Amino acid sequence: MKRLSIVLLLTAFGLCSCSSANRRHLGTWNSAGADDKTTVTFAEKTITVLNSDGTSTGQYSIDYGKKPIWLDAVTDANKPHKCIMEFIGKEAFQIACTERDTRPSDFTTAQDVMLFKKQTDVMQFRAKE
């Protein structure tokens, strides 16, 4: 019985840690490239992209079980994108996407690899007098 309790506890801990790891893409990310200023916001199943072409929204799915991570998105213009993504630490990821039927297989041969950094909201509070 004690062994079963330990296994259940470890399983529950594993499920909790996996689910938070599989949500690390959520939030707002800014491109780190000097030429392309792009902001991407991931909500639960929606993606919003803001760049020099305007704002685009759509639906996405993400598969953390693939290496590199697979991300599929369909924008409001009904354009499908097949992407690969890889986190670099806790505050950045690189991504490569294509509008073709085939997904990039790795970052060394992919065209247009972009680096994004997590946007941090800095709030300043005025001290009460």
C-alpha atoms as a PDB file:
ATOM      1  CA  MET A   1       0.000   0.000   0.000  1.00  0.00           C
ATOM      2  CA  LYS A   2       2.852   2.381   0.842  1.00  0.00           C
ATOM      3  CA  ARG A   3       4.454   1.671  -2.549  1.00  0.00           C
ATOM      4  CA  LEU A   4       1.157   2.439  -4.326  1.00  0.00           C
ATOM      5  CA  SER A   5       0.879   5.771  -2.496  1.00  0.00           C
ATOM      6  CA  ILE A   6       4.403   6.746  -3.543  1.00  0.00           C
ATOM      7  CA  VAL A   7       3.705   5.797  -7.173  1.00  0.00           C
ATOM      8  CA  LEU A   8       0.470   7.811  -7.186  1.00  0.00           C
ATOM      9  CA  LEU A   9       2.217  10.798  -5.625  1.00  0.00           C
ATOM     10  CA  LEU A  10       5.046  10.679  -8.167  1.00  0.00           C
ATOM     11  CA  THR A  11       2.563  10.279 -11.022  1.00  0.00           C
ATOM     12  CA  ALA A  12       0.536  13.264  -9.842  1.00  0.00           C
ATOM     13  CA  PHE A  13       3.704  15.344  -9.492  1.00  0.00           C
ATOM     14  CA  GLY A  14       4.783  14.293 -12.983  1.00  0.00           C
ATOM     15  CA  LEU A  15       1.421  15.254 -14.490  1.00  0.00           C
ATOM     16  CA  CYS A  16       1.478  18.666 -12.832  1.00  0.00           C
ATOM     17  CA  SER A  17       5.009  19.443 -13.915  1.00  0.00           C
ATOM     18  CA  CYS A  18       4.310  18.278 -17.475  1.00  0.00           C
ATOM     19  CA  SER A  19       1.218  20.388 -17.859  1.00  0.00           C
ATOM     20  CA  SER A  20       2.994  23.561 -16.729  1.00  0.00           C
ATOM     21  CA  ALA A  21       5.894  22.800 -19.070  1.00  0.00           C
ATOM     22  CA  ASN A  22       3.408  22.366 -21.900  1.00  0.00           C
ATOM     23  CA  ARG A  23       2.016  25.840 -21.234  1.00  0.00           C
ATOM     24  CA  ARG A  24       5.294  27.720 -21.329  1.00  0.00           C
ATOM     25  CA  HIS A  25       4.520  29.161 -24.760  1.00  0.00           C
ATOM     26  CA  LEU A  26       1.546  31.114 -23.379  1.00  0.00           C
ATOM     27  CA  GLY A  27       2.043  34.844 -23.115  1.00  0.00           C
ATOM     28  CA  THR A  28       3.470  37.628 -25.237  1.00  0.00           C
ATOM     29  CA  TRP A  29       6.799  37.333 -27.022  1.00  0.00           C
ATOM     30  CA  ASN A  30       8.817  39.956 -28.945  1.00  0.00           C
ATOM     31  CA  SER A  31      11.164  39.238 -31.818  1.00  0.00           C
ATOM     32  CA  ALA A  32      14.809  39.766 -30.975  1.00  0.00           C
ATOM     33  CA  GLY A  33      15.894  40.575 -34.539  1.00  0.00           C
ATOM     34  CA  ALA A  34      16.901  44.117 -35.393  1.00  0.00           C
ATOM     35  CA  ASP A  35      15.155  44.126 -38.791  1.00  0.00           C
ATOM     36  CA  ASP A  36      11.825  42.494 -38.010  1.00  0.00           C
ATOM     37  CA  LYS A  37       9.772  43.776 -35.102  1.00  0.00           C
ATOM     38  CA  THR A  38       7.106  41.161 -34.467  1.00  0.00           C
ATOM     39  CA  THR A  39       5.026  40.494 -31.371  1.00  0.00           C
ATOM     40  CA  VAL A  40       3.324  37.122 -30.906  1.00  0.00           C
ATOM     41  CA  THR A  41       0.731  36.439 -28.218  1.00  0.00           C
ATOM     42  CA  PHE A  42      -0.320  32.883 -27.439  1.00  0.00           C
ATOM     43  CA  ALA A  43      -3.592  32.416 -25.540  1.00  0.00           C
ATOM     44  CA  GLU A  44      -5.089  28.950 -24.861  1.00  0.00           C
ATOM     45  CA  LYS A  45      -5.835  28.162 -28.521  1.00  0.00           C
ATOM     46  CA  THR A  46      -5.550  31.525 -30.265  1.00  0.00           C
ATOM     47  CA  ILE A  47      -2.520  33.292 -31.615  1.00  0.00           C
ATOM     48  CA  THR A  48      -2.167  36.993 -32.433  1.00  0.00           C
ATOM     49  CA  VAL A  49       0.718  38.272 -34.531  1.00  0.00           C
ATOM     50  CA  LEU A  50       1.512  41.988 -34.796  1.00  0.00           C
ATOM     51  CA  ASN A  51       4.153  43.116 -37.305  1.00  0.00           C
ATOM     52  CA  SER A  52       4.741  45.709 -40.014  1.00  0.00           C
ATOM     53  CA  ASP A  53       2.037  44.034 -42.161  1.00  0.00           C
ATOM     54  CA  GLY A  54      -0.604  44.590 -39.473  1.00  0.00           C
ATOM     55  CA  THR A  55      -2.339  42.301 -37.000  1.00  0.00           C
ATOM     56  CA  SER A  56      -3.317  38.714 -37.740  1.00  0.00           C
ATOM     57  CA  THR A  57      -5.197  36.330 -35.483  1.00  0.00           C
ATOM     58  CA  GLY A  58      -5.891  32.638 -35.747  1.00  0.00           C
ATOM     59  CA  GLN A  59      -6.057  29.243 -34.116  1.00  0.00           C
ATOM     60  CA  TYR A  60      -3.088  27.027 -33.325  1.00  0.00           C
ATOM     61  CA  SER A  61      -2.166  23.615 -32.005  1.00  0.00           C
ATOM     62  CA  ILE A  62       1.129  22.684 -30.406  1.00  0.00           C
ATOM     63  CA  ASP A  63       2.735  19.276 -29.907  1.00  0.00           C
ATOM     64  CA  TYR A  64       5.392  19.198 -27.190  1.00  0.00           C
ATOM     65  CA  GLY A  65       5.862  15.466 -27.834  1.00  0.00           C
ATOM     66  CA  LYS A  66       7.739  16.188 -31.073  1.00  0.00           C
ATOM     67  CA  LYS A  67      11.394  17.218 -31.127  1.00  0.00           C
ATOM     68  CA  PRO A  68      11.615  20.005 -32.124  1.00  0.00           C
ATOM     69  CA  ILE A  69       8.151  21.095 -30.953  1.00  0.00           C
ATOM     70  CA  TRP A  70       5.526  21.241 -33.717  1.00  0.00           C
ATOM     71  CA  LEU A  71       3.261  24.258 -33.976  1.00  0.00           C
ATOM     72  CA  ASP A  72       0.480  24.489 -36.562  1.00  0.00           C
ATOM     73  CA  ALA A  73      -1.436  27.740 -37.017  1.00  0.00           C
ATOM     74  CA  VAL A  74      -4.187  28.939 -39.328  1.00  0.00           C
ATOM     75  CA  THR A  75      -4.530  32.707 -39.544  1.00  0.00           C
ATOM     76  CA  ASP A  76      -7.634  34.789 -40.116  1.00  0.00           C
ATOM     77  CA  ALA A  77      -6.637  34.933 -43.796  1.00  0.00           C
ATOM     78  CA  ASN A  78      -7.030  31.111 -43.763  1.00  0.00           C
ATOM     79  CA  LYS A  79      -3.287  30.652 -44.341  1.00  0.00           C
ATOM     80  CA  PRO A  80      -1.901  27.487 -42.749  1.00  0.00           C
ATOM     81  CA  HIS A  81       1.578  27.655 -41.211  1.00  0.00           C
ATOM     82  CA  LYS A  82       3.653  24.618 -40.245  1.00  0.00           C
ATOM     83  CA  CYS A  83       6.331  25.489 -37.722  1.00  0.00           C
ATOM     84  CA  ILE A  84       9.000  24.020 -35.512  1.00  0.00           C
ATOM     85  CA  MET A  85       9.915  25.685 -32.254  1.00  0.00           C
ATOM     86  CA  GLU A  86      12.540  25.224 -29.566  1.00  0.00           C
ATOM     87  CA  PHE A  87      12.818  26.935 -26.202  1.00  0.00           C
ATOM     88  CA  ILE A  88      16.119  28.495 -25.228  1.00  0.00           C
ATOM     89  CA  GLY A  89      16.029  28.716 -21.472  1.00  0.00           C
ATOM     90  CA  LYS A  90      12.852  29.998 -19.829  1.00  0.00           C
ATOM     91  CA  GLU A  91      12.635  33.373 -21.546  1.00  0.00           C
ATOM     92  CA  ALA A  92      13.223  32.719 -25.262  1.00  0.00           C
ATOM     93  CA  PHE A  93      12.415  30.429 -28.172  1.00  0.00           C
ATOM     94  CA  GLN A  94      13.390  30.092 -31.794  1.00  0.00           C
ATOM     95  CA  ILE A  95      10.852  29.273 -34.478  1.00  0.00           C
ATOM     96  CA  ALA A  96      10.873  28.452 -38.179  1.00  0.00           C
ATOM     97  CA  CYS A  97       7.642  28.390 -40.191  1.00  0.00           C
ATOM     98  CA  THR A  98       6.521  27.677 -43.704  1.00  0.00           C
ATOM     99  CA  GLU A  99       3.264  28.063 -45.589  1.00  0.00           C
ATOM    100  CA  ARG A 100       4.078  24.968 -47.658  1.00  0.00           C
ATOM    101  CA  ASP A 101       2.765  21.452 -47.060  1.00  0.00           C
ATOM    102  CA  THR A 102       6.034  20.303 -45.505  1.00  0.00           C
ATOM    103  CA  ARG A 103       7.256  21.477 -42.118  1.00  0.00           C
ATOM    104  CA  PRO A 104      10.913  22.486 -41.608  1.00  0.00           C
ATOM    105  CA  SER A 105      12.793  19.521 -40.157  1.00  0.00           C
ATOM    106  CA  ASP A 106      15.493  21.401 -38.233  1.00  0.00           C
ATOM    107  CA  PHE A 107      16.808  24.887 -37.577  1.00  0.00           C
ATOM    108  CA  THR A 108      20.092  24.539 -39.463  1.00  0.00           C
ATOM    109  CA  THR A 109      18.423  24.034 -42.860  1.00  0.00           C
ATOM    110  CA  ALA A 110      15.253  26.084 -42.236  1.00  0.00           C
ATOM    111  CA  GLN A 111      14.853  29.499 -43.794  1.00  0.00           C
ATOM    112  CA  ASP A 112      13.713  32.493 -41.757  1.00  0.00           C
ATOM    113  CA  VAL A 113      14.483  31.277 -38.246  1.00  0.00           C
ATOM    114  CA  MET A 114      13.306  33.884 -35.747  1.00  0.00           C
ATOM    115  CA  LEU A 115      14.238  34.370 -32.107  1.00  0.00           C
ATOM    116  CA  PHE A 116      11.610  35.590 -29.628  1.00  0.00           C
ATOM    117  CA  LYS A 117      12.026  36.765 -26.053  1.00  0.00           C
ATOM    118  CA  LYS A 118       9.323  36.769 -23.382  1.00  0.00           C
ATOM    119  CA  GLN A 119       7.757  40.168 -22.854  1.00  0.00           C
ATOM    120  CA  THR A 120       7.927  41.282 -19.269  1.00  0.00           C
ATOM    121  CA  ASP A 121       5.474  43.799 -17.962  1.00  0.00           C
ATOM    122  CA  VAL A 122       7.155  46.274 -15.693  1.00  0.00           C
ATOM    123  CA  MET A 123       4.687  48.055 -13.503  1.00  0.00           C
ATOM    124  CA  GLN A 124       5.712  51.000 -11.436  1.00  0.00           C
ATOM    125  CA  PHE A 125       3.769  51.796  -8.346  1.00  0.00           C
ATOM    126  CA  ARG A 126       3.686  55.248  -6.849  1.00  0.00           C
ATOM    127  CA  ALA A 127       4.229  55.238  -3.143  1.00  0.00           C
ATOM    128  CA  LYS A 128       1.313  56.481  -1.120  1.00  0.00           C
ATOM    129  CA  GLU A 129       1.990  59.688   0.681  1.00  0.00           C
END
